[in-house]
């Protein structure tokens, strides 16, 4: 089971084992792909005749919005993977240890009276 980014297997994962943030990312990326595909379909039929007029479809808007969303999602994925890399995890643990050490250095030593 995939609990976080650090233990994702290097093969195609089964969707049932993907956690909620991963499923949300997949949903958003699929939505951007569907928007792009709809833009290409609307480009094929750029003007649709209706009784008494013609309707112009918004192909360019859909494709540009979809490309922007896909780029933002890929950048977010790269950022998340970089933040959760083993190196960054070790760096956060070292910073946490340093903070604990500095906190403990401020605690006064007990005075022993025999």
N, C-alpha and C. Protein backbone atom coordinates (compact mmCIF):
# COMPACT_ATOMS: atom_id res chain seq x y z
N UNK A 1 0.85 -1.19 0.00
CA UNK A 1 0.00 0.00 0.00
C UNK A 1 0.89 1.24 0.00
N UNK A 2 0.53 2.21 -0.78
CA UNK A 2 1.27 3.46 -0.88
C UNK A 2 0.74 4.41 0.18
N UNK A 3 1.57 4.76 1.16
CA UNK A 3 1.14 5.67 2.22
C UNK A 3 1.66 7.07 2.00
N UNK A 4 2.82 7.22 1.36
CA UNK A 4 3.34 8.53 1.00
C UNK A 4 4.24 8.38 -0.22
N UNK A 5 4.80 9.48 -0.65
CA UNK A 5 5.56 9.49 -1.90
C UNK A 5 6.85 8.67 -1.80
N UNK A 6 7.38 8.52 -0.60
CA UNK A 6 8.68 7.85 -0.47
C UNK A 6 8.60 6.34 -0.71
N UNK A 7 7.41 5.74 -0.61
CA UNK A 7 7.34 4.29 -0.84
C UNK A 7 6.48 3.92 -2.04
N UNK A 8 6.51 4.73 -3.06
CA UNK A 8 5.82 4.42 -4.31
C UNK A 8 6.67 3.41 -5.08
N UNK A 9 6.08 2.31 -5.53
CA UNK A 9 6.87 1.33 -6.29
C UNK A 9 7.23 1.86 -7.68
N UNK A 10 8.24 1.25 -8.28
CA UNK A 10 8.70 1.70 -9.60
C UNK A 10 8.00 0.98 -10.74
N UNK A 11 6.87 0.37 -10.51
CA UNK A 11 6.08 -0.22 -11.58
C UNK A 11 4.75 0.51 -11.64
N UNK A 12 3.92 0.16 -12.58
CA UNK A 12 2.62 0.81 -12.70
C UNK A 12 1.78 0.47 -11.48
N UNK A 13 1.38 1.47 -10.70
CA UNK A 13 0.61 1.17 -9.48
C UNK A 13 -0.84 0.84 -9.81
N UNK A 14 -1.44 0.03 -8.96
CA UNK A 14 -2.86 -0.27 -9.06
C UNK A 14 -3.61 0.90 -8.44
N UNK A 15 -4.63 1.36 -9.12
CA UNK A 15 -5.35 2.55 -8.67
C UNK A 15 -5.95 2.35 -7.27
N UNK A 16 -6.32 1.13 -6.94
CA UNK A 16 -6.91 0.86 -5.63
C UNK A 16 -5.93 1.13 -4.49
N UNK A 17 -4.62 1.09 -4.75
CA UNK A 17 -3.62 1.28 -3.71
C UNK A 17 -3.10 2.72 -3.64
N UNK A 18 -3.61 3.61 -4.48
CA UNK A 18 -3.16 5.00 -4.48
C UNK A 18 -3.93 5.75 -3.38
N UNK A 19 -3.21 6.57 -2.61
CA UNK A 19 -3.86 7.29 -1.51
C UNK A 19 -4.66 8.48 -2.04
N UNK A 20 -5.35 9.18 -1.13
CA UNK A 20 -6.28 10.25 -1.52
C UNK A 20 -5.59 11.40 -2.26
N UNK A 21 -4.42 11.91 -1.81
CA UNK A 21 -3.79 12.98 -2.60
C UNK A 21 -3.40 12.53 -4.01
N UNK A 22 -2.96 11.29 -4.14
CA UNK A 22 -2.62 10.76 -5.46
C UNK A 22 -3.83 10.63 -6.35
N UNK A 23 -4.93 10.18 -5.77
CA UNK A 23 -6.17 10.07 -6.56
C UNK A 23 -6.66 11.44 -7.00
N UNK A 24 -6.52 12.43 -6.12
CA UNK A 24 -6.94 13.79 -6.47
C UNK A 24 -6.09 14.33 -7.62
N UNK A 25 -4.77 14.08 -7.57
CA UNK A 25 -3.89 14.53 -8.65
C UNK A 25 -4.28 13.84 -9.96
N UNK A 26 -4.54 12.55 -9.91
CA UNK A 26 -4.94 11.80 -11.11
C UNK A 26 -6.25 12.36 -11.66
N UNK A 27 -7.20 12.66 -10.77
CA UNK A 27 -8.48 13.22 -11.19
C UNK A 27 -8.28 14.56 -11.89
N UNK A 28 -7.48 15.45 -11.30
CA UNK A 28 -7.26 16.77 -11.88
C UNK A 28 -6.54 16.66 -13.23
N UNK A 29 -5.56 15.77 -13.33
CA UNK A 29 -4.82 15.62 -14.59
C UNK A 29 -5.74 15.03 -15.67
N UNK A 30 -6.58 14.07 -15.29
CA UNK A 30 -7.53 13.50 -16.25
C UNK A 30 -8.52 14.55 -16.72
N UNK A 31 -8.94 15.42 -15.82
CA UNK A 31 -9.84 16.51 -16.19
C UNK A 31 -9.17 17.45 -17.19
N UNK A 32 -7.90 17.75 -16.98
CA UNK A 32 -7.17 18.62 -17.92
C UNK A 32 -7.03 17.93 -19.28
N UNK A 33 -6.78 16.62 -19.29
CA UNK A 33 -6.70 15.90 -20.56
C UNK A 33 -8.04 15.89 -21.29
N UNK A 34 -9.12 15.72 -20.54
CA UNK A 34 -10.45 15.73 -21.16
C UNK A 34 -10.77 17.11 -21.73
N UNK A 35 -10.36 18.15 -21.01
CA UNK A 35 -10.58 19.52 -21.49
C UNK A 35 -9.79 19.76 -22.78
N UNK A 36 -8.57 19.24 -22.83
CA UNK A 36 -7.76 19.40 -24.04
C UNK A 36 -8.39 18.65 -25.21
N UNK A 37 -8.86 17.44 -24.96
CA UNK A 37 -9.50 16.66 -26.01
C UNK A 37 -10.77 17.34 -26.51
N UNK A 38 -11.55 17.89 -25.60
CA UNK A 38 -12.75 18.62 -25.99
C UNK A 38 -12.39 19.83 -26.84
N UNK A 39 -11.29 20.48 -26.51
CA UNK A 39 -10.83 21.61 -27.32
C UNK A 39 -10.50 21.19 -28.74
N UNK A 40 -9.83 20.04 -28.88
CA UNK A 40 -9.51 19.55 -30.23
C UNK A 40 -10.77 19.17 -31.00
N UNK A 41 -11.75 18.59 -30.33
CA UNK A 41 -13.01 18.24 -30.99
C UNK A 41 -13.73 19.51 -31.43
N UNK A 42 -13.75 20.51 -30.55
CA UNK A 42 -14.41 21.77 -30.93
C UNK A 42 -13.66 22.49 -32.04
N UNK A 43 -12.36 22.22 -32.16
CA UNK A 43 -11.60 22.81 -33.26
C UNK A 43 -11.98 22.22 -34.61
N UNK A 44 -12.37 20.96 -34.59
CA UNK A 44 -12.77 20.31 -35.83
C UNK A 44 -14.06 20.92 -36.37
N UNK A 45 -14.94 21.25 -35.46
CA UNK A 45 -16.20 21.87 -35.83
C UNK A 45 -16.20 23.28 -35.23
N UNK A 46 -15.45 24.18 -35.84
CA UNK A 46 -15.27 25.51 -35.26
C UNK A 46 -16.55 26.34 -35.25
N UNK A 47 -17.41 26.14 -36.22
CA UNK A 47 -18.67 26.87 -36.24
C UNK A 47 -19.81 25.88 -36.45
N UNK A 48 -20.80 25.99 -35.57
CA UNK A 48 -21.95 25.09 -35.64
C UNK A 48 -23.16 25.91 -36.09
N UNK A 49 -23.79 25.48 -37.17
CA UNK A 49 -24.98 26.22 -37.62
C UNK A 49 -26.17 25.92 -36.72
N UNK A 50 -26.86 26.97 -36.34
CA UNK A 50 -28.13 26.83 -35.62
C UNK A 50 -29.16 27.62 -36.41
N UNK A 51 -30.42 27.39 -36.17
CA UNK A 51 -31.44 28.12 -36.96
C UNK A 51 -31.29 29.63 -36.83
N UNK A 52 -31.02 30.28 -37.92
CA UNK A 52 -30.94 31.72 -37.97
C UNK A 52 -29.56 32.30 -37.69
N UNK A 53 -28.54 31.49 -37.34
CA UNK A 53 -27.20 32.03 -37.03
C UNK A 53 -26.20 30.88 -36.98
N UNK A 54 -24.97 31.22 -36.57
CA UNK A 54 -23.93 30.21 -36.37
C UNK A 54 -23.28 30.47 -35.01
N UNK A 55 -22.86 29.42 -34.36
CA UNK A 55 -22.21 29.53 -33.05
C UNK A 55 -20.73 29.20 -33.23
N UNK A 56 -19.85 30.06 -32.72
CA UNK A 56 -18.41 29.81 -32.77
C UNK A 56 -17.99 29.17 -31.45
N UNK A 57 -17.26 28.07 -31.53
CA UNK A 57 -16.85 27.32 -30.34
C UNK A 57 -15.50 27.82 -29.82
N UNK A 58 -15.21 27.54 -28.58
CA UNK A 58 -14.03 28.09 -27.90
C UNK A 58 -12.88 27.10 -27.84
N UNK A 59 -12.38 26.69 -28.97
CA UNK A 59 -11.30 25.71 -29.02
C UNK A 59 -10.03 26.23 -28.37
N UNK A 60 -9.59 27.41 -28.74
CA UNK A 60 -8.31 27.95 -28.26
C UNK A 60 -8.33 28.15 -26.74
N UNK A 61 -9.45 28.60 -26.20
CA UNK A 61 -9.56 28.80 -24.75
C UNK A 61 -9.41 27.49 -24.00
N UNK A 62 -10.09 26.45 -24.47
CA UNK A 62 -10.02 25.15 -23.81
C UNK A 62 -8.61 24.56 -23.86
N UNK A 63 -7.99 24.62 -25.01
CA UNK A 63 -6.66 24.03 -25.16
C UNK A 63 -5.63 24.78 -24.32
N UNK A 64 -5.68 26.11 -24.32
CA UNK A 64 -4.71 26.86 -23.52
C UNK A 64 -4.93 26.65 -22.02
N UNK A 65 -6.20 26.58 -21.59
CA UNK A 65 -6.47 26.32 -20.17
C UNK A 65 -6.01 24.92 -19.77
N UNK A 66 -6.24 23.95 -20.64
CA UNK A 66 -5.83 22.58 -20.34
C UNK A 66 -4.31 22.47 -20.26
N UNK A 67 -3.60 23.11 -21.18
CA UNK A 67 -2.13 23.06 -21.15
C UNK A 67 -1.58 23.74 -19.90
N UNK A 68 -2.20 24.85 -19.50
CA UNK A 68 -1.76 25.53 -18.28
C UNK A 68 -2.00 24.67 -17.05
N UNK A 69 -3.15 24.01 -17.00
CA UNK A 69 -3.46 23.13 -15.86
C UNK A 69 -2.51 21.94 -15.81
N UNK A 70 -2.23 21.34 -16.97
CA UNK A 70 -1.31 20.20 -16.99
C UNK A 70 0.08 20.61 -16.55
N UNK A 71 0.55 21.76 -17.01
CA UNK A 71 1.89 22.23 -16.60
C UNK A 71 1.94 22.50 -15.10
N UNK A 72 0.87 23.11 -14.56
CA UNK A 72 0.83 23.39 -13.12
C UNK A 72 0.79 22.10 -12.32
N UNK A 73 0.05 21.11 -12.78
CA UNK A 73 -0.02 19.84 -12.05
C UNK A 73 1.31 19.09 -12.09
N UNK A 74 1.98 19.12 -13.23
CA UNK A 74 3.29 18.46 -13.32
C UNK A 74 4.30 19.17 -12.43
N UNK A 75 4.26 20.49 -12.40
CA UNK A 75 5.17 21.25 -11.53
C UNK A 75 4.88 20.96 -10.06
N UNK A 76 3.59 20.85 -9.71
CA UNK A 76 3.23 20.51 -8.33
C UNK A 76 3.73 19.12 -7.97
N UNK A 77 3.62 18.19 -8.89
CA UNK A 77 4.11 16.83 -8.64
C UNK A 77 5.61 16.82 -8.44
N UNK A 78 6.34 17.57 -9.27
CA UNK A 78 7.80 17.65 -9.11
C UNK A 78 8.17 18.26 -7.77
N UNK A 79 7.46 19.31 -7.38
CA UNK A 79 7.72 19.97 -6.10
C UNK A 79 7.45 19.01 -4.94
N UNK A 80 6.33 18.30 -5.01
CA UNK A 80 6.00 17.34 -3.95
C UNK A 80 7.03 16.23 -3.87
N UNK A 81 7.48 15.74 -5.02
CA UNK A 81 8.49 14.67 -5.02
C UNK A 81 9.82 15.17 -4.46
N UNK A 82 10.19 16.41 -4.79
CA UNK A 82 11.43 16.97 -4.25
C UNK A 82 11.33 17.18 -2.75
N UNK A 83 10.19 17.65 -2.27
CA UNK A 83 10.02 17.89 -0.83
C UNK A 83 10.03 16.60 -0.03
N UNK A 84 9.60 15.51 -0.64
CA UNK A 84 9.52 14.24 0.08
C UNK A 84 10.61 13.26 -0.30
N UNK A 85 11.67 13.75 -0.91
CA UNK A 85 12.78 12.87 -1.25
C UNK A 85 13.49 12.44 0.03
N UNK A 86 14.27 11.41 -0.06
CA UNK A 86 14.99 10.90 1.12
C UNK A 86 15.95 11.96 1.66
N UNK A 87 16.58 12.70 0.77
CA UNK A 87 17.51 13.75 1.19
C UNK A 87 16.81 14.81 2.02
N UNK A 88 15.64 15.26 1.55
CA UNK A 88 14.90 16.28 2.28
C UNK A 88 14.38 15.74 3.61
N UNK A 89 13.98 14.48 3.65
CA UNK A 89 13.54 13.89 4.91
C UNK A 89 14.67 13.86 5.92
N UNK A 90 15.86 13.48 5.47
CA UNK A 90 17.01 13.46 6.38
C UNK A 90 17.38 14.87 6.82
N UNK A 91 17.27 15.84 5.92
CA UNK A 91 17.57 17.22 6.26
C UNK A 91 16.58 17.74 7.32
N UNK A 92 15.29 17.41 7.18
CA UNK A 92 14.31 17.83 8.17
C UNK A 92 14.57 17.18 9.53
N UNK A 93 14.98 15.90 9.51
CA UNK A 93 15.30 15.23 10.78
C UNK A 93 16.51 15.86 11.44
N UNK A 94 17.51 16.25 10.65
CA UNK A 94 18.70 16.90 11.21
C UNK A 94 18.33 18.26 11.80
N UNK A 95 17.48 19.01 11.12
CA UNK A 95 17.04 20.30 11.65
C UNK A 95 16.24 20.12 12.94
N UNK A 96 15.44 19.09 12.98
CA UNK A 96 14.66 18.79 14.18
C UNK A 96 15.58 18.42 15.34
N UNK A 97 16.61 17.63 15.05
CA UNK A 97 17.57 17.24 16.09
C UNK A 97 18.34 18.46 16.60
N UNK A 98 18.72 19.35 15.70
CA UNK A 98 19.41 20.58 16.11
C UNK A 98 18.52 21.45 16.98
N UNK A 99 17.26 21.55 16.62
CA UNK A 99 16.33 22.35 17.43
C UNK A 99 16.14 21.73 18.81
N UNK A 100 16.05 20.43 18.88
CA UNK A 100 15.91 19.75 20.17
C UNK A 100 17.16 19.95 21.01
N UNK A 101 18.32 19.86 20.37
CA UNK A 101 19.59 20.05 21.08
C UNK A 101 19.68 21.47 21.65
N UNK A 102 19.32 22.46 20.86
CA UNK A 102 19.39 23.85 21.35
C UNK A 102 18.38 24.08 22.47
N UNK A 103 17.23 23.41 22.41
CA UNK A 103 16.24 23.53 23.48
C UNK A 103 16.77 22.91 24.77
N UNK A 104 17.39 21.75 24.64
CA UNK A 104 17.90 21.06 25.83
C UNK A 104 19.11 21.77 26.43
N UNK A 105 19.86 22.51 25.62
CA UNK A 105 21.00 23.26 26.15
C UNK A 105 20.55 24.41 27.04
N UNK A 106 19.34 24.87 26.87
CA UNK A 106 18.84 25.98 27.67
C UNK A 106 18.25 25.53 29.01
N UNK A 107 18.09 24.22 29.19
CA UNK A 107 17.57 23.70 30.46
C UNK A 107 18.70 23.74 31.49
N UNK A 108 18.45 24.31 32.68
CA UNK A 108 19.52 24.36 33.68
C UNK A 108 19.83 22.98 34.24
N UNK A 109 21.09 22.79 34.57
CA UNK A 109 21.52 21.52 35.15
C UNK A 109 21.10 21.47 36.61
N UNK A 110 20.66 20.30 37.10
CA UNK A 110 20.29 20.21 38.50
C UNK A 110 21.52 20.31 39.41
N UNK A 111 21.35 20.83 40.59
CA UNK A 111 22.46 20.94 41.54
C UNK A 111 22.33 19.77 42.49
N UNK A 112 23.41 19.01 42.58
CA UNK A 112 23.44 17.83 43.44
C UNK A 112 23.98 18.20 44.81
N UNK A 113 23.22 17.97 45.84
CA UNK A 113 23.67 18.24 47.21
C UNK A 113 23.66 16.91 47.93
N UNK A 114 24.84 16.51 48.43
CA UNK A 114 24.94 15.22 49.11
C UNK A 114 24.98 15.36 50.60
